[in-house]
Amino acid sequence: MTHTKIKTRPFDVANYLRDEADVEAYLQVVMEDGDPALLAAALGDIARARGMTQLAKDTGLSRESLYKSLSGERAPSSDTLFKVMRALGFKLTVASTTAH
């Protein structure tokens, strides 16, 4: 009996963010969670899908700093968060969570 080894690799959501609709849907779900570290990780996924080098140029931050800030291990500073969101073409909006 021969055993065939199956090669697998870890799941990486960045491989599935193919267009702006995918990116927007992903970010929308993450924002509903309300976890700043999860938001940072999601922005990191989006940045990797689009290209971290370009994001570094657009934000003026080093790639190493971006990888650390967007790892999801901690929430980045609000300054970094806003720089990254602007550079990726996003803006935060406010909506009431209570029905009137």
PDB file of N, CA and C in Angstrom:
ATOM      1  N   MET A   1       0.847  -1.176   0.000  1.00  0.00           N
ATOM      2  CA  MET A   1       0.000   0.000   0.000  1.00  0.00           C
ATOM      3  C   MET A   1       0.892   1.239   0.000  1.00  0.00           C
ATOM      4  N   THR A   2       0.656   2.112  -0.942  1.00  0.00           N
ATOM      5  CA  THR A   2       1.445   3.317  -1.065  1.00  0.00           C
ATOM      6  C   THR A   2       0.687   4.498  -0.469  1.00  0.00           C
ATOM      7  N   HIS A   3       1.392   5.276   0.328  1.00  0.00           N
ATOM      8  CA  HIS A   3       0.779   6.475   0.911  1.00  0.00           C
ATOM      9  C   HIS A   3       1.254   7.691   0.129  1.00  0.00           C
ATOM     10  N   THR A   4       0.303   8.476  -0.304  1.00  0.00           N
ATOM     11  CA  THR A   4       0.628   9.701  -1.022  1.00  0.00           C
ATOM     12  C   THR A   4       0.576  10.861  -0.045  1.00  0.00           C
ATOM     13  N   LYS A   5       1.624  11.628  -0.036  1.00  0.00           N
ATOM     14  CA  LYS A   5       1.645  12.799   0.828  1.00  0.00           C
ATOM     15  C   LYS A   5       0.984  13.965   0.106  1.00  0.00           C
ATOM     16  N   ILE A   6       0.140  14.641   0.820  1.00  0.00           N
ATOM     17  CA  ILE A   6      -0.524  15.819   0.282  1.00  0.00           C
ATOM     18  C   ILE A   6       0.179  17.040   0.840  1.00  0.00           C
ATOM     19  N   LYS A   7       0.588  17.918  -0.052  1.00  0.00           N
ATOM     20  CA  LYS A   7       1.230  19.151   0.384  1.00  0.00           C
ATOM     21  C   LYS A   7       0.158  20.198   0.638  1.00  0.00           C
ATOM     22  N   THR A   8       0.228  20.809   1.787  1.00  0.00           N
ATOM     23  CA  THR A   8      -0.702  21.883   2.124  1.00  0.00           C
ATOM     24  C   THR A   8       0.090  23.105   2.549  1.00  0.00           C
ATOM     25  N   ARG A   9      -0.567  24.229   2.516  1.00  0.00           N
ATOM     26  CA  ARG A   9       0.053  25.452   3.019  1.00  0.00           C
ATOM     27  C   ARG A   9      -0.975  26.170   3.869  1.00  0.00           C
ATOM     28  N   PRO A  10      -0.521  26.979   4.792  1.00  0.00           N
ATOM     29  CA  PRO A  10      -1.463  27.675   5.675  1.00  0.00           C
ATOM     30  C   PRO A  10      -2.411  28.569   4.880  1.00  0.00           C
ATOM     31  N   PHE A  11      -3.636  28.666   5.367  1.00  0.00           N
ATOM     32  CA  PHE A  11      -4.621  29.535   4.743  1.00  0.00           C
ATOM     33  C   PHE A  11      -4.166  30.989   4.872  1.00  0.00           C
ATOM     34  N   ASP A  12      -4.263  31.740   3.795  1.00  0.00           N
ATOM     35  CA  ASP A  12      -3.924  33.163   3.797  1.00  0.00           C
ATOM     36  C   ASP A  12      -5.017  33.905   3.048  1.00  0.00           C
ATOM     37  N   VAL A  13      -5.821  34.657   3.778  1.00  0.00           N
ATOM     38  CA  VAL A  13      -6.944  35.371   3.169  1.00  0.00           C
ATOM     39  C   VAL A  13      -6.484  36.329   2.074  1.00  0.00           C
ATOM     40  N   ALA A  14      -5.264  36.809   2.134  1.00  0.00           N
ATOM     41  CA  ALA A  14      -4.754  37.729   1.110  1.00  0.00           C
ATOM     42  C   ALA A  14      -4.810  37.098  -0.280  1.00  0.00           C
ATOM     43  N   ASN A  15      -4.721  35.785  -0.349  1.00  0.00           N
ATOM     44  CA  ASN A  15      -4.803  35.095  -1.640  1.00  0.00           C
ATOM     45  C   ASN A  15      -6.207  35.119  -2.243  1.00  0.00           C
ATOM     46  N   TYR A  16      -7.199  35.482  -1.441  1.00  0.00           N
ATOM     47  CA  TYR A  16      -8.591  35.454  -1.888  1.00  0.00           C
ATOM     48  C   TYR A  16      -9.205  36.847  -2.037  1.00  0.00           C
ATOM     49  N   LEU A  17      -8.428  37.867  -1.790  1.00  0.00           N
ATOM     50  CA  LEU A  17      -8.910  39.243  -1.945  1.00  0.00           C
ATOM     51  C   LEU A  17      -8.585  39.691  -3.362  1.00  0.00           C
ATOM     52  N   ARG A  18      -9.391  39.238  -4.299  1.00  0.00           N
ATOM     53  CA  ARG A  18      -9.088  39.402  -5.725  1.00  0.00           C
ATOM     54  C   ARG A  18      -9.540  40.733  -6.306  1.00  0.00           C
ATOM     55  N   ASP A  19     -10.596  41.318  -5.736  1.00  0.00           N
ATOM     56  CA  ASP A  19     -11.091  42.582  -6.282  1.00  0.00           C
ATOM     57  C   ASP A  19     -11.619  43.459  -5.143  1.00  0.00           C
ATOM     58  N   GLU A  20     -12.040  44.657  -5.496  1.00  0.00           N
ATOM     59  CA  GLU A  20     -12.477  45.611  -4.477  1.00  0.00           C
ATOM     60  C   GLU A  20     -13.728  45.136  -3.735  1.00  0.00           C
ATOM     61  N   ALA A  21     -14.591  44.397  -4.406  1.00  0.00           N
ATOM     62  CA  ALA A  21     -15.787  43.882  -3.732  1.00  0.00           C
ATOM     63  C   ALA A  21     -15.388  42.897  -2.628  1.00  0.00           C
ATOM     64  N   ASP A  22     -14.412  42.033  -2.901  1.00  0.00           N
ATOM     65  CA  ASP A  22     -13.916  41.096  -1.888  1.00  0.00           C
ATOM     66  C   ASP A  22     -13.321  41.846  -0.700  1.00  0.00           C
ATOM     67  N   VAL A  23     -12.510  42.851  -1.007  1.00  0.00           N
ATOM     68  CA  VAL A  23     -11.838  43.634   0.031  1.00  0.00           C
ATOM     69  C   VAL A  23     -12.871  44.355   0.890  1.00  0.00           C
ATOM     70  N   GLU A  24     -13.833  44.984   0.249  1.00  0.00           N
ATOM     71  CA  GLU A  24     -14.849  45.734   0.989  1.00  0.00           C
ATOM     72  C   GLU A  24     -15.684  44.820   1.873  1.00  0.00           C
ATOM     73  N   ALA A  25     -16.086  43.670   1.359  1.00  0.00           N
ATOM     74  CA  ALA A  25     -16.880  42.723   2.144  1.00  0.00           C
ATOM     75  C   ALA A  25     -16.082  42.219   3.351  1.00  0.00           C
ATOM     76  N   TYR A  26     -14.825  41.901   3.122  1.00  0.00           N
ATOM     77  CA  TYR A  26     -13.950  41.426   4.203  1.00  0.00           C
ATOM     78  C   TYR A  26     -13.812  42.483   5.291  1.00  0.00           C
ATOM     79  N   LEU A  27     -13.525  43.701   4.892  1.00  0.00           N
ATOM     80  CA  LEU A  27     -13.335  44.781   5.861  1.00  0.00           C
ATOM     81  C   LEU A  27     -14.634  45.085   6.602  1.00  0.00           C
ATOM     82  N   GLN A  28     -15.758  45.002   5.934  1.00  0.00           N
ATOM     83  CA  GLN A  28     -17.054  45.244   6.565  1.00  0.00           C
ATOM     84  C   GLN A  28     -17.303  44.249   7.695  1.00  0.00           C
ATOM     85  N   VAL A  29     -17.020  42.975   7.442  1.00  0.00           N
ATOM     86  CA  VAL A  29     -17.216  41.941   8.457  1.00  0.00           C
ATOM     87  C   VAL A  29     -16.278  42.181   9.642  1.00  0.00           C
ATOM     88  N   VAL A  30     -15.043  42.520   9.357  1.00  0.00           N
ATOM     89  CA  VAL A  30     -14.063  42.763  10.417  1.00  0.00           C
ATOM     90  C   VAL A  30     -14.477  43.960  11.272  1.00  0.00           C
ATOM     91  N   MET A  31     -14.957  45.013  10.634  1.00  0.00           N
ATOM     92  CA  MET A  31     -15.359  46.223  11.371  1.00  0.00           C
ATOM     93  C   MET A  31     -16.526  45.931  12.319  1.00  0.00           C
ATOM     94  N   GLU A  32     -17.407  45.020  11.938  1.00  0.00           N
ATOM     95  CA  GLU A  32     -18.542  44.680  12.793  1.00  0.00           C
ATOM     96  C   GLU A  32     -18.090  44.028  14.094  1.00  0.00           C
ATOM     97  N   ASP A  33     -16.931  43.392  14.083  1.00  0.00           N
ATOM     98  CA  ASP A  33     -16.411  42.736  15.283  1.00  0.00           C
ATOM     99  C   ASP A  33     -15.976  43.746  16.338  1.00  0.00           C
ATOM    100  N   GLY A  34     -15.441  44.883  15.894  1.00  0.00           N
ATOM    101  CA  GLY A  34     -15.039  45.934  16.826  1.00  0.00           C
ATOM    102  C   GLY A  34     -13.713  45.708  17.529  1.00  0.00           C
ATOM    103  N   ASP A  35     -12.898  44.793  17.045  1.00  0.00           N
ATOM    104  CA  ASP A  35     -11.611  44.484  17.664  1.00  0.00           C
ATOM    105  C   ASP A  35     -10.495  45.193  16.904  1.00  0.00           C
ATOM    106  N   PRO A  36      -9.808  46.162  17.541  1.00  0.00           N
ATOM    107  CA  PRO A  36      -8.755  46.910  16.853  1.00  0.00           C
ATOM    108  C   PRO A  36      -7.613  46.035  16.337  1.00  0.00           C
ATOM    109  N   ALA A  37      -7.239  44.999  17.071  1.00  0.00           N
ATOM    110  CA  ALA A  37      -6.161  44.118  16.616  1.00  0.00           C
ATOM    111  C   ALA A  37      -6.602  43.326  15.382  1.00  0.00           C
ATOM    112  N   LEU A  38      -7.866  42.911  15.347  1.00  0.00           N
ATOM    113  CA  LEU A  38      -8.396  42.208  14.185  1.00  0.00           C
ATOM    114  C   LEU A  38      -8.450  43.139  12.975  1.00  0.00           C
ATOM    115  N   LEU A  39      -8.822  44.397  13.199  1.00  0.00           N
ATOM    116  CA  LEU A  39      -8.813  45.385  12.118  1.00  0.00           C
ATOM    117  C   LEU A  39      -7.405  45.561  11.575  1.00  0.00           C
ATOM    118  N   ALA A  40      -6.425  45.638  12.465  1.00  0.00           N
ATOM    119  CA  ALA A  40      -5.032  45.777  12.035  1.00  0.00           C
ATOM    120  C   ALA A  40      -4.611  44.573  11.194  1.00  0.00           C
ATOM    121  N   ALA A  41      -4.970  43.381  11.634  1.00  0.00           N
ATOM    122  CA  ALA A  41      -4.622  42.168  10.885  1.00  0.00           C
ATOM    123  C   ALA A  41      -5.299  42.162   9.518  1.00  0.00           C
ATOM    124  N   ALA A  42      -6.553  42.583   9.459  1.00  0.00           N
ATOM    125  CA  ALA A  42      -7.274  42.627   8.189  1.00  0.00           C
ATOM    126  C   ALA A  42      -6.635  43.638   7.238  1.00  0.00           C
ATOM    127  N   LEU A  43      -6.251  44.794   7.761  1.00  0.00           N
ATOM    128  CA  LEU A  43      -5.564  45.776   6.925  1.00  0.00           C
ATOM    129  C   LEU A  43      -4.235  45.211   6.430  1.00  0.00           C
ATOM    130  N   GLY A  44      -3.575  44.416   7.274  1.00  0.00           N
ATOM    131  CA  GLY A  44      -2.344  43.750   6.855  1.00  0.00           C
ATOM    132  C   GLY A  44      -2.598  42.758   5.738  1.00  0.00           C
ATOM    133  N   ASP A  45      -3.707  42.011   5.830  1.00  0.00           N
ATOM    134  CA  ASP A  45      -4.071  41.073   4.765  1.00  0.00           C
ATOM    135  C   ASP A  45      -4.306  41.824   3.452  1.00  0.00           C
ATOM    136  N   ILE A  46      -5.034  42.924   3.538  1.00  0.00           N
ATOM    137  CA  ILE A  46      -5.335  43.730   2.347  1.00  0.00           C
ATOM    138  C   ILE A  46      -4.052  44.319   1.771  1.00  0.00           C
ATOM    139  N   ALA A  47      -3.184  44.793   2.646  1.00  0.00           N
ATOM    140  CA  ALA A  47      -1.911  45.369   2.199  1.00  0.00           C
ATOM    141  C   ALA A  47      -1.050  44.325   1.498  1.00  0.00           C
ATOM    142  N   ARG A  48      -1.012  43.101   2.037  1.00  0.00           N
ATOM    143  CA  ARG A  48      -0.227  42.041   1.386  1.00  0.00           C
ATOM    144  C   ARG A  48      -0.822  41.673   0.035  1.00  0.00           C
ATOM    145  N   ALA A  49      -2.160  41.690  -0.052  1.00  0.00           N
ATOM    146  CA  ALA A  49      -2.818  41.366  -1.322  1.00  0.00           C
ATOM    147  C   ALA A  49      -2.515  42.429  -2.379  1.00  0.00           C
ATOM    148  N   ARG A  50      -2.393  43.677  -1.945  1.00  0.00           N
ATOM    149  CA  ARG A  50      -2.157  44.778  -2.886  1.00  0.00           C
ATOM    150  C   ARG A  50      -0.678  45.079  -3.085  1.00  0.00           C
ATOM    151  N   GLY A  51       0.132  44.768  -2.092  1.00  0.00           N
ATOM    152  CA  GLY A  51       1.569  45.029  -2.177  1.00  0.00           C
ATOM    153  C   GLY A  51       2.055  45.906  -1.036  1.00  0.00           C
ATOM    154  N   MET A  52       2.790  45.315  -0.130  1.00  0.00           N
ATOM    155  CA  MET A  52       3.271  46.023   1.060  1.00  0.00           C
ATOM    156  C   MET A  52       4.277  47.107   0.699  1.00  0.00           C
ATOM    157  N   THR A  53       5.067  46.890  -0.346  1.00  0.00           N
ATOM    158  CA  THR A  53       6.072  47.878  -0.735  1.00  0.00           C
ATOM    159  C   THR A  53       5.414  49.191  -1.135  1.00  0.00           C
ATOM    160  N   GLN A  54       4.337  49.102  -1.908  1.00  0.00           N
ATOM    161  CA  GLN A  54       3.634  50.321  -2.324  1.00  0.00           C
ATOM    162  C   GLN A  54       2.994  51.006  -1.127  1.00  0.00           C
ATOM    163  N   LEU A  55       2.450  50.238  -0.201  1.00  0.00           N
ATOM    164  CA  LEU A  55       1.860  50.829   0.990  1.00  0.00           C
ATOM    165  C   LEU A  55       2.916  51.566   1.802  1.00  0.00           C
ATOM    166  N   ALA A  56       4.103  50.995   1.904  1.00  0.00           N
ATOM    167  CA  ALA A  56       5.190  51.659   2.627  1.00  0.00           C
ATOM    168  C   ALA A  56       5.506  53.009   1.982  1.00  0.00           C
ATOM    169  N   LYS A  57       5.563  53.035   0.660  1.00  0.00           N
ATOM    170  CA  LYS A  57       5.827  54.299  -0.042  1.00  0.00           C
ATOM    171  C   LYS A  57       4.712  55.298   0.204  1.00  0.00           C
ATOM    172  N   ASP A  58       3.465  54.829   0.138  1.00  0.00           N
ATOM    173  CA  ASP A  58       2.310  55.717   0.275  1.00  0.00           C
ATOM    174  C   ASP A  58       2.133  56.272   1.687  1.00  0.00           C
ATOM    175  N   THR A  59       2.570  55.512   2.690  1.00  0.00           N
ATOM    176  CA  THR A  59       2.404  55.957   4.082  1.00  0.00           C
ATOM    177  C   THR A  59       3.641  56.637   4.644  1.00  0.00           C
ATOM    178  N   GLY A  60       4.795  56.389   4.021  1.00  0.00           N
ATOM    179  CA  GLY A  60       6.037  56.911   4.572  1.00  0.00           C
ATOM    180  C   GLY A  60       6.559  56.068   5.727  1.00  0.00           C
ATOM    181  N   LEU A  61       5.992  54.897   5.930  1.00  0.00           N
ATOM    182  CA  LEU A  61       6.428  53.995   6.989  1.00  0.00           C
ATOM    183  C   LEU A  61       7.239  52.861   6.366  1.00  0.00           C
ATOM    184  N   SER A  62       8.132  52.278   7.142  1.00  0.00           N
ATOM    185  CA  SER A  62       8.938  51.179   6.614  1.00  0.00           C
ATOM    186  C   SER A  62       8.084  49.915   6.500  1.00  0.00           C
ATOM    187  N   ARG A  63       8.487  49.027   5.607  1.00  0.00           N
ATOM    188  CA  ARG A  63       7.784  47.757   5.451  1.00  0.00           C
ATOM    189  C   ARG A  63       7.814  46.973   6.765  1.00  0.00           C
ATOM    190  N   GLU A  64       8.954  46.986   7.446  1.00  0.00           N
ATOM    191  CA  GLU A  64       9.082  46.252   8.706  1.00  0.00           C
ATOM    192  C   GLU A  64       8.097  46.781   9.738  1.00  0.00           C
ATOM    193  N   SER A  65       7.994  48.102   9.820  1.00  0.00           N
ATOM    194  CA  SER A  65       7.062  48.724  10.757  1.00  0.00           C
ATOM    195  C   SER A  65       5.622  48.358  10.411  1.00  0.00           C
ATOM    196  N   LEU A  66       5.309  48.341   9.123  1.00  0.00           N
ATOM    197  CA  LEU A  66       3.959  47.976   8.702  1.00  0.00           C
ATOM    198  C   LEU A  66       3.652  46.520   9.032  1.00  0.00           C
ATOM    199  N   TYR A  67       4.594  45.625   8.762  1.00  0.00           N
ATOM    200  CA  TYR A  67       4.365  44.214   9.083  1.00  0.00           C
ATOM    201  C   TYR A  67       4.098  44.037  10.575  1.00  0.00           C
ATOM    202  N   LYS A  68       4.848  44.729  11.427  1.00  0.00           N
ATOM    203  CA  LYS A  68       4.643  44.637  12.874  1.00  0.00           C
ATOM    204  C   LYS A  68       3.303  45.239  13.276  1.00  0.00           C
ATOM    205  N   SER A  69       3.012  46.431  12.759  1.00  0.00           N
ATOM    206  CA  SER A  69       1.788  47.133  13.130  1.00  0.00           C
ATOM    207  C   SER A  69       0.537  46.415  12.653  1.00  0.00           C
ATOM    208  N   LEU A  70       0.635  45.730  11.522  1.00  0.00           N
ATOM    209  CA  LEU A  70      -0.531  45.091  10.923  1.00  0.00           C
ATOM    210  C   LEU A  70      -0.541  43.575  11.111  1.00  0.00           C
ATOM    211  N   SER A  71       0.183  43.105  12.120  1.00  0.00           N
ATOM    212  CA  SER A  71       0.268  41.663  12.374  1.00  0.00           C
ATOM    213  C   SER A  71      -0.976  41.125  13.075  1.00  0.00           C
ATOM    214  N   GLY A  72      -1.697  41.990  13.766  1.00  0.00           N
ATOM    215  CA  GLY A  72      -2.845  41.543  14.540  1.00  0.00           C
ATOM    216  C   GLY A  72      -2.499  41.145  15.952  1.00  0.00           C
ATOM    217  N   GLU A  73      -1.210  41.198  16.283  1.00  0.00           N
ATOM    218  CA  GLU A  73      -0.786  40.850  17.638  1.00  0.00           C
ATOM    219  C   GLU A  73      -1.098  41.963  18.627  1.00  0.00           C
ATOM    220  N   ARG A  74      -1.223  43.171  18.098  1.00  0.00           N
ATOM    221  CA  ARG A  74      -1.582  44.323  18.929  1.00  0.00           C
ATOM    222  C   ARG A  74      -2.247  45.347  18.023  1.00  0.00           C
ATOM    223  N   ALA A  75      -2.926  46.283  18.641  1.00  0.00           N
ATOM    224  CA  ALA A  75      -3.562  47.351  17.863  1.00  0.00           C
ATOM    225  C   ALA A  75      -2.507  48.417  17.556  1.00  0.00           C
ATOM    226  N   PRO A  76      -2.432  48.876  16.324  1.00  0.00           N
ATOM    227  CA  PRO A  76      -1.466  49.921  15.983  1.00  0.00           C
ATOM    228  C   PRO A  76      -1.920  51.266  16.535  1.00  0.00           C
ATOM    229  N   SER A  77      -1.027  52.228  16.518  1.00  0.00           N
ATOM    230  CA  SER A  77      -1.411  53.571  16.955  1.00  0.00           C
ATOM    231  C   SER A  77      -2.468  54.115  16.007  1.00  0.00           C
ATOM    232  N   SER A  78      -3.253  55.050  16.491  1.00  0.00           N
ATOM    233  CA  SER A  78      -4.287  55.635  15.630  1.00  0.00           C
ATOM    234  C   SER A  78      -3.651  56.350  14.445  1.00  0.00           C
ATOM    235  N   ASP A  79      -2.481  56.934  14.625  1.00  0.00           N
ATOM    236  CA  ASP A  79      -1.782  57.606  13.532  1.00  0.00           C
ATOM    237  C   ASP A  79      -1.461  56.610  12.415  1.00  0.00           C
ATOM    238  N   THR A  80      -0.910  55.468  12.783  1.00  0.00           N
ATOM    239  CA  THR A  80      -0.593  54.431  11.795  1.00  0.00           C
ATOM    240  C   THR A  80      -1.861  53.906  11.146  1.00  0.00           C
ATOM    241  N   LEU A  81      -2.875  53.662  11.944  1.00  0.00           N
ATOM    242  CA  LEU A  81      -4.133  53.140  11.431  1.00  0.00           C
ATOM    243  C   LEU A  81      -4.718  54.077  10.370  1.00  0.00           C
ATOM    244  N   PHE A  82      -4.764  55.363  10.655  1.00  0.00           N
ATOM    245  CA  PHE A  82      -5.328  56.316   9.696  1.00  0.00           C
ATOM    246  C   PHE A  82      -4.455  56.457   8.449  1.00  0.00           C
ATOM    247  N   LYS A  83      -3.145  56.432   8.610  1.00  0.00           N
ATOM    248  CA  LYS A  83      -2.257  56.495   7.445  1.00  0.00           C
ATOM    249  C   LYS A  83      -2.488  55.304   6.520  1.00  0.00           C
ATOM    250  N   VAL A  84      -2.583  54.126   7.110  1.00  0.00           N
ATOM    251  CA  VAL A  84      -2.767  52.911   6.331  1.00  0.00           C
ATOM    252  C   VAL A  84      -4.126  52.930   5.642  1.00  0.00           C
ATOM    253  N   MET A  85      -5.162  53.288   6.380  1.00  0.00           N
ATOM    254  CA  MET A  85      -6.495  53.301   5.783  1.00  0.00           C
ATOM    255  C   MET A  85      -6.579  54.291   4.622  1.00  0.00           C
ATOM    256  N   ARG A  86      -6.017  55.468   4.808  1.00  0.00           N
ATOM    257  CA  ARG A  86      -6.013  56.457   3.718  1.00  0.00           C
ATOM    258  C   ARG A  86      -5.252  55.947   2.510  1.00  0.00           C
ATOM    259  N   ALA A  87      -4.085  55.375   2.758  1.00  0.00           N
ATOM    260  CA  ALA A  87      -3.252  54.883   1.661  1.00  0.00           C
ATOM    261  C   ALA A  87      -3.927  53.734   0.912  1.00  0.00           C
ATOM    262  N   LEU A  88      -4.733  52.943   1.609  1.00  0.00           N
ATOM    263  CA  LEU A  88      -5.445  51.843   0.971  1.00  0.00           C
ATOM    264  C   LEU A  88      -6.751  52.296   0.319  1.00  0.00           C
ATOM    265  N   GLY A  89      -7.098  53.571   0.517  1.00  0.00           N
ATOM    266  CA  GLY A  89      -8.295  54.113  -0.117  1.00  0.00           C
ATOM    267  C   GLY A  89      -9.572  53.948   0.692  1.00  0.00           C
ATOM    268  N   PHE A  90      -9.438  53.819   2.007  1.00  0.00           N
ATOM    269  CA  PHE A  90     -10.604  53.667   2.873  1.00  0.00           C
ATOM    270  C   PHE A  90     -10.793  54.893   3.741  1.00  0.00           C
ATOM    271  N   LYS A  91     -12.020  55.086   4.200  1.00  0.00           N
ATOM    272  CA  LYS A  91     -12.311  56.117   5.182  1.00  0.00           C
ATOM    273  C   LYS A  91     -13.265  55.536   6.205  1.00  0.00           C
ATOM    274  N   LEU A  92     -13.140  56.005   7.420  1.00  0.00           N
ATOM    275  CA  LEU A  92     -14.057  55.577   8.474  1.00  0.00           C
ATOM    276  C   LEU A  92     -15.286  56.466   8.434  1.00  0.00           C
ATOM    277  N   THR A  93     -16.445  55.871   8.615  1.00  0.00           N
ATOM    278  CA  THR A  93     -17.664  56.645   8.721  1.00  0.00           C
ATOM    279  C   THR A  93     -18.362  56.249  10.018  1.00  0.00           C
ATOM    280  N   VAL A  94     -19.231  57.104  10.486  1.00  0.00           N
ATOM    281  CA  VAL A  94     -19.927  56.867  11.739  1.00  0.00           C
ATOM    282  C   VAL A  94     -21.402  56.658  11.435  1.00  0.00           C
ATOM    283  N   ALA A  95     -21.948  55.626  12.062  1.00  0.00           N
ATOM    284  CA  ALA A  95     -23.370  55.344  11.938  1.00  0.00           C
ATOM    285  C   ALA A  95     -23.876  54.927  13.314  1.00  0.00           C
ATOM    286  N   SER A  96     -25.077  55.313  13.628  1.00  0.00           N
ATOM    287  CA  SER A  96     -25.682  54.961  14.906  1.00  0.00           C
ATOM    288  C   SER A  96     -25.990  53.473  14.942  1.00  0.00           C
ATOM    289  N   THR A  97     -25.770  52.874  16.094  1.00  0.00           N
ATOM    290  CA  THR A  97     -26.093  51.454  16.258  1.00  0.00           C
ATOM    291  C   THR A  97     -27.463  51.272  16.897  1.00  0.00           C
ATOM    292  N   THR A  98     -28.096  52.374  17.275  1.00  0.00           N
ATOM    293  CA  THR A  98     -29.422  52.298  17.867  1.00  0.00           C
ATOM    294  C   THR A  98     -30.460  52.704  16.842  1.00  0.00           C
ATOM    295  N   ALA A  99     -31.581  52.045  16.877  1.00  0.00           N
ATOM    296  CA  ALA A  99     -32.689  52.385  15.957  1.00  0.00           C
ATOM    297  C   ALA A  99     -33.516  53.500  16.578  1.00  0.00           C
ATOM    298  N   HIS A 100     -33.926  54.418  15.768  1.00  0.00           N
ATOM    299  CA  HIS A 100     -34.747  55.536  16.259  1.00  0.00           C
ATOM    300  C   HIS A 100     -36.168  55.392  15.816  1.00  0.00           C
TER     301      HIS A 100
END
